[in-house]
């Protein structure tokens, strides 16, 4: 009787887990396996895949200048946007960690850009903000600086408009930082204040160490997210990555290879290189975290 009940429990468990298992197999595992196979083929989605070994990877690393251009643009975007976004998120979180009137409204207002920031509509709006007759030039005119420059249409500044849009979407990181700040005992600040520590020293000696696990969490999440950024670059550059490939992010270049040039095999190889790079970056962050992340239950770093 007990064995029968245990067997029935197993069946119920399989039934409840079946949607996840099926979804994982159909939408994750099978596409990944297919992509890995296509990365070693010459495949254009119209004809049968032709196995070519490592030719896609050889071409990528030795004979594709646009590929390396997209790599440089992407690393510029990631290494600039992630630290700036986290810095803004932490700064705003510290401001909202105070007992002020209407703090709930401010938290919602600052989080709102993260809900809509990656949308097509906001990306279109961004082209108006940084256009030659946009809000930025109008604001400069109010302080006596006349400018008709299109910040999006200039190669030297176009990528920075994407970075500004990414920094504007700091709400999710801000809420996570805010939750971490509320878990820091106030007694630690009071005790350090008695010992003569100022606000700056408290920030570096108490706030940063106590928040370091959350900083690591946000850093990894935002790094991965930044590498996969696609919509803003596609909309703002109208799918071209211009001007002069200055906004040609890796994901946009991958999309163009797959769905404009129908080089699905080459695009699959690019996708796997991106996966490996993101994995290496994540591993580096985890390995170096032992030098700067403080876990309270371990009593040190």
Protein backbone atom coordinates (compact mmCIF):
# COMPACT_ATOMS: atom_id res chain seq x y z
CA UNK A 1 0.00 0.00 0.00
CA UNK A 2 2.80 2.41 0.91
CA UNK A 3 4.64 1.60 -2.31
CA UNK A 4 1.49 2.32 -4.31
CA UNK A 5 1.04 5.69 -2.60
CA UNK A 6 4.70 6.52 -3.18
CA UNK A 7 4.30 5.56 -6.84
CA UNK A 8 1.24 7.80 -7.15
CA UNK A 9 3.19 10.67 -5.57
CA UNK A 10 5.88 10.23 -8.20
CA UNK A 11 3.30 10.32 -10.99
CA UNK A 12 1.78 13.52 -9.59
CA UNK A 13 5.23 15.06 -9.37
CA UNK A 14 6.00 14.18 -12.98
CA UNK A 15 2.68 15.66 -14.11
CA UNK A 16 3.31 18.98 -12.34
CA UNK A 17 6.92 19.19 -13.58
CA UNK A 18 6.04 18.12 -17.14
CA UNK A 19 5.29 21.68 -18.42
CA UNK A 20 8.69 22.92 -17.25
CA UNK A 21 10.56 19.87 -18.56
CA UNK A 22 8.75 20.04 -21.91
CA UNK A 23 9.34 23.78 -22.19
CA UNK A 24 13.03 23.35 -21.33
CA UNK A 25 13.48 20.64 -23.95
CA UNK A 26 11.54 22.40 -26.72
CA UNK A 27 12.50 26.03 -26.16
CA UNK A 28 16.01 25.81 -24.65
CA UNK A 29 17.82 22.50 -25.04
CA UNK A 30 16.72 21.67 -28.60
CA UNK A 31 17.41 25.21 -29.97
CA UNK A 32 20.82 25.23 -28.29
CA UNK A 33 21.73 21.84 -29.73
CA UNK A 34 20.50 22.91 -33.17
CA UNK A 35 22.48 26.15 -32.96
CA UNK A 36 25.63 24.26 -31.99
CA UNK A 37 25.22 21.98 -35.01
CA UNK A 38 24.49 24.88 -37.39
CA UNK A 39 27.60 26.72 -36.18
CA UNK A 40 29.68 24.07 -38.00
CA UNK A 41 27.65 24.34 -41.21
CA UNK A 42 27.02 26.65 -44.14
CA UNK A 43 23.26 27.11 -43.63
CA UNK A 44 21.02 29.79 -45.10
CA UNK A 45 17.60 28.45 -43.93
CA UNK A 46 16.61 27.76 -47.55
CA UNK A 47 18.85 24.83 -48.39
CA UNK A 48 20.15 21.81 -46.53
CA UNK A 49 22.97 22.56 -44.05
CA UNK A 50 26.43 21.82 -45.43
CA UNK A 51 29.00 20.76 -42.82
CA UNK A 52 32.14 22.93 -43.06
CA UNK A 53 33.85 22.27 -39.72
CA UNK A 54 35.46 25.29 -38.07
CA UNK A 55 35.31 27.51 -41.16
CA UNK A 56 32.74 29.87 -39.61
CA UNK A 57 34.96 30.44 -36.58
CA UNK A 58 38.08 30.86 -38.73
CA UNK A 59 36.31 33.44 -40.88
CA UNK A 60 35.00 35.20 -37.78
CA UNK A 61 38.41 35.65 -36.18
CA UNK A 62 40.56 36.22 -39.27
CA UNK A 63 38.45 37.57 -42.13
CA UNK A 64 35.58 39.70 -40.84
CA UNK A 65 36.44 43.29 -39.98
CA UNK A 66 32.81 44.11 -39.18
CA UNK A 67 32.78 41.33 -36.58
CA UNK A 68 35.70 42.89 -34.70
CA UNK A 69 34.10 46.31 -35.02
CA UNK A 70 30.97 44.97 -33.31
CA UNK A 71 33.13 43.40 -30.60
CA UNK A 72 34.82 46.73 -29.86
CA UNK A 73 31.51 48.59 -29.84
CA UNK A 74 29.94 46.01 -27.52
CA UNK A 75 32.80 46.03 -25.01
CA UNK A 76 32.75 49.84 -24.99
CA UNK A 77 29.03 49.71 -24.31
CA UNK A 78 29.31 47.10 -21.56
CA UNK A 79 32.31 48.55 -19.73
CA UNK A 80 30.82 52.05 -19.76
CA UNK A 81 27.12 51.39 -19.14
CA UNK A 82 27.35 48.77 -16.38
CA UNK A 83 29.51 50.76 -13.88
CA UNK A 84 27.57 53.97 -14.58
CA UNK A 85 24.22 52.25 -14.16
CA UNK A 86 25.25 50.61 -10.88
CA UNK A 87 26.71 53.87 -9.58
CA UNK A 88 23.51 55.77 -10.32
CA UNK A 89 21.43 52.95 -8.88
CA UNK A 90 23.40 52.91 -5.62
CA UNK A 91 23.36 56.71 -5.33
CA UNK A 92 19.60 56.94 -5.79
CA UNK A 93 19.04 53.98 -3.46
CA UNK A 94 20.96 55.78 -0.72
CA UNK A 95 18.85 58.91 -1.23
CA UNK A 96 15.63 56.89 -1.06
CA UNK A 97 16.80 55.02 2.03
CA UNK A 98 15.94 58.05 4.13
CA UNK A 99 12.69 58.70 5.93
CA UNK A 100 11.25 61.41 3.72
CA UNK A 101 7.70 62.27 2.79
CA UNK A 102 6.44 60.59 -0.37
CA UNK A 103 9.36 58.17 -0.58
CA UNK A 104 7.07 55.44 -2.00
CA UNK A 105 6.16 57.67 -4.94
CA UNK A 106 9.82 58.45 -5.65
CA UNK A 107 10.73 54.77 -5.58
CA UNK A 108 8.01 54.00 -8.13
CA UNK A 109 8.98 56.98 -10.29
CA UNK A 110 12.64 55.98 -10.40
CA UNK A 111 11.74 52.36 -11.16
CA UNK A 112 9.41 53.27 -14.05
CA UNK A 113 12.19 53.73 -16.67
CA UNK A 114 13.28 50.13 -16.09
CA UNK A 115 9.80 48.94 -17.01
CA UNK A 116 9.62 50.85 -20.28
CA UNK A 117 13.25 51.69 -20.99
CA UNK A 118 13.93 48.80 -23.37
CA UNK A 119 10.73 49.26 -25.35
CA UNK A 120 10.49 50.26 -28.99
CA UNK A 121 8.56 53.42 -28.09
CA UNK A 122 11.28 54.72 -25.76
CA UNK A 123 13.99 53.91 -28.30
CA UNK A 124 12.09 55.98 -30.86
CA UNK A 125 11.71 58.79 -28.31
CA UNK A 126 15.46 58.63 -27.69
CA UNK A 127 16.11 59.43 -31.34
CA UNK A 128 14.12 62.64 -30.85
CA UNK A 129 15.86 63.56 -27.63
CA UNK A 130 19.35 63.30 -29.16
CA UNK A 131 18.45 64.42 -32.70
CA UNK A 132 19.67 67.64 -34.30
CA UNK A 133 16.50 69.43 -33.15
CA UNK A 134 16.06 67.38 -29.98
CA UNK A 135 15.72 68.25 -26.32
CA UNK A 136 19.46 68.08 -25.65
CA UNK A 137 20.28 70.76 -28.21
CA UNK A 138 17.33 72.86 -27.00
CA UNK A 139 18.61 72.62 -23.43
CA UNK A 140 22.10 73.65 -24.55
CA UNK A 141 20.57 76.62 -26.34
CA UNK A 142 18.96 77.80 -23.11
CA UNK A 143 22.38 78.17 -21.51
CA UNK A 144 23.87 79.91 -24.52
CA UNK A 145 25.43 76.94 -26.30
CA UNK A 146 24.09 76.76 -29.83
CA UNK A 147 24.24 73.28 -31.31
CA UNK A 148 22.65 71.64 -34.35
CA UNK A 149 24.61 68.45 -33.87
CA UNK A 150 22.80 65.14 -34.15
CA UNK A 151 24.21 63.19 -31.23
CA UNK A 152 22.82 59.96 -32.65
CA UNK A 153 24.00 60.74 -36.18
CA UNK A 154 27.61 61.43 -35.18
CA UNK A 155 29.92 58.37 -34.98
CA UNK A 156 31.88 59.74 -31.99
CA UNK A 157 28.78 60.24 -29.82
CA UNK A 158 26.23 57.72 -31.12
CA UNK A 159 27.29 54.88 -28.80
CA UNK A 160 27.08 57.23 -25.82
CA UNK A 161 23.40 57.84 -26.52
CA UNK A 162 22.86 54.09 -26.13
CA UNK A 163 24.92 54.14 -22.94
CA UNK A 164 22.81 57.02 -21.61
CA UNK A 165 19.65 55.02 -22.32
CA UNK A 166 21.10 52.02 -20.48
CA UNK A 167 22.06 54.15 -17.46
CA UNK A 168 18.55 55.64 -17.42
CA UNK A 169 17.21 52.12 -16.79
CA UNK A 170 18.77 51.74 -13.34
CA UNK A 171 15.51 51.08 -11.47
CA UNK A 172 15.77 47.33 -10.94
CA UNK A 173 19.31 47.56 -9.57
CA UNK A 174 18.23 50.50 -7.43
CA UNK A 175 15.47 48.48 -5.75
CA UNK A 176 17.87 45.61 -5.02
CA UNK A 177 20.41 48.03 -3.55
CA UNK A 178 17.65 49.65 -1.50
CA UNK A 179 16.65 46.28 -0.03
CA UNK A 180 20.29 45.64 0.87
CA UNK A 181 20.70 49.05 2.51
CA UNK A 182 17.71 48.40 4.74
CA UNK A 183 19.37 45.22 6.02
CA UNK A 184 22.49 47.05 7.24
CA UNK A 185 22.14 47.54 11.02
CA UNK A 186 21.93 51.22 11.95
CA UNK A 187 23.94 50.43 15.06
CA UNK A 188 27.03 49.99 12.89
CA UNK A 189 26.76 53.57 11.64
CA UNK A 190 26.04 54.87 15.14
CA UNK A 191 29.04 53.05 16.61
CA UNK A 192 31.36 54.26 13.88
CA UNK A 193 30.03 57.80 14.32
CA UNK A 194 30.94 57.67 18.00
CA UNK A 195 34.46 56.63 16.97
CA UNK A 196 34.69 59.70 14.76
CA UNK A 197 34.03 58.16 11.33
CA UNK A 198 32.55 60.58 8.81
CA UNK A 199 30.01 59.85 6.08
CA UNK A 200 32.65 59.11 3.46
CA UNK A 201 34.51 56.66 5.67
CA UNK A 202 31.24 54.99 6.70
CA UNK A 203 30.37 54.56 3.03
CA UNK A 204 33.64 52.81 2.16
CA UNK A 205 34.10 50.90 5.43
CA UNK A 206 30.50 49.88 6.17
CA UNK A 207 28.12 50.40 3.26
CA UNK A 208 30.27 49.01 0.45
CA UNK A 209 31.48 45.88 2.34
CA UNK A 210 27.99 45.09 3.61
CA UNK A 211 26.52 45.58 0.12
CA UNK A 212 29.31 43.73 -1.70
CA UNK A 213 27.31 40.48 -2.26
CA UNK A 214 24.48 42.56 -3.75
CA UNK A 215 26.97 44.54 -5.84
CA UNK A 216 28.28 41.24 -7.21
CA UNK A 217 24.73 40.06 -7.96
CA UNK A 218 23.83 43.28 -9.78
CA UNK A 219 27.19 43.39 -11.56
CA UNK A 220 26.77 39.89 -13.02
CA UNK A 221 23.12 40.45 -14.00
CA UNK A 222 23.78 43.81 -15.63
CA UNK A 223 26.89 42.56 -17.44
CA UNK A 224 24.99 39.65 -18.99
CA UNK A 225 22.05 41.91 -19.84
CA UNK A 226 24.31 44.51 -21.48
CA UNK A 227 26.01 41.94 -23.70
CA UNK A 228 22.57 40.90 -24.99
CA UNK A 229 21.23 44.43 -25.62
CA UNK A 230 19.51 44.57 -28.99
CA UNK A 231 16.31 46.67 -29.24
CA UNK A 232 17.73 50.18 -28.61
CA UNK A 233 20.59 49.69 -31.10
CA UNK A 234 18.22 48.27 -33.70
CA UNK A 235 15.62 51.04 -33.39
CA UNK A 236 17.97 54.00 -32.99
CA UNK A 237 20.18 52.95 -35.91
CA UNK A 238 17.20 51.70 -37.95
CA UNK A 239 18.71 48.24 -38.02
CA UNK A 240 21.99 49.31 -39.60
CA UNK A 241 24.26 49.86 -36.60
CA UNK A 242 25.27 53.25 -37.96
CA UNK A 243 26.58 55.76 -38.35
CA UNK A 244 29.75 54.02 -39.63
CA UNK A 245 28.97 50.95 -37.48
CA UNK A 246 29.38 53.02 -34.30
CA UNK A 247 26.27 51.41 -32.73
CA UNK A 248 26.74 47.95 -34.24
CA UNK A 249 26.39 45.93 -31.06
CA UNK A 250 27.28 42.24 -31.21
CA UNK A 251 23.65 41.13 -30.96
CA UNK A 252 22.64 43.46 -33.79
CA UNK A 253 25.46 42.18 -35.99
CA UNK A 254 24.37 38.63 -35.19
CA UNK A 255 20.77 39.45 -36.13
CA UNK A 256 21.83 41.01 -39.45
CA UNK A 257 23.93 37.98 -40.32
CA UNK A 258 21.07 35.60 -39.57
CA UNK A 259 18.00 37.41 -40.91
CA UNK A 260 19.32 39.89 -43.49
CA UNK A 261 22.18 37.96 -45.07
CA UNK A 262 20.68 34.53 -44.25
CA UNK A 263 23.99 33.28 -42.87
CA UNK A 264 22.38 31.23 -40.11
CA UNK A 265 25.40 28.98 -39.68
CA UNK A 266 27.72 31.95 -39.24
CA UNK A 267 25.26 33.64 -36.88
CA UNK A 268 25.04 30.46 -34.80
CA UNK A 269 28.82 30.44 -34.48
CA UNK A 270 28.69 34.08 -33.35
CA UNK A 271 26.07 33.18 -30.76
CA UNK A 272 28.23 30.46 -29.27
CA UNK A 273 31.24 32.77 -29.09
CA UNK A 274 29.06 35.27 -27.23
CA UNK A 275 27.92 32.56 -24.82
CA UNK A 276 31.53 31.56 -24.13
CA UNK A 277 32.62 35.19 -23.62
CA UNK A 278 29.74 35.85 -21.21
CA UNK A 279 30.61 32.63 -19.35
CA UNK A 280 34.26 33.68 -19.06
CA UNK A 281 33.30 37.17 -17.85
CA UNK A 282 30.96 35.67 -15.25
CA UNK A 283 33.64 33.22 -14.11
CA UNK A 284 36.17 36.06 -13.74
CA UNK A 285 33.71 38.04 -11.62
CA UNK A 286 33.07 35.02 -9.39
CA UNK A 287 36.76 34.18 -9.05
CA UNK A 288 37.78 37.76 -8.21
CA UNK A 289 34.86 38.24 -5.82
CA UNK A 290 36.77 36.47 -3.03
CA UNK A 291 39.05 39.51 -2.85
CA UNK A 292 36.32 42.13 -2.42
CA UNK A 293 33.00 40.49 -1.52
CA UNK A 294 32.29 40.34 2.22
CA UNK A 295 30.04 37.56 3.55
CA UNK A 296 29.01 38.25 7.12
CA UNK A 297 28.49 34.60 8.07
CA UNK A 298 32.10 33.85 7.10
CA UNK A 299 33.43 36.65 9.20
CA UNK A 300 35.51 38.12 6.37
CA UNK A 301 36.21 38.11 2.67
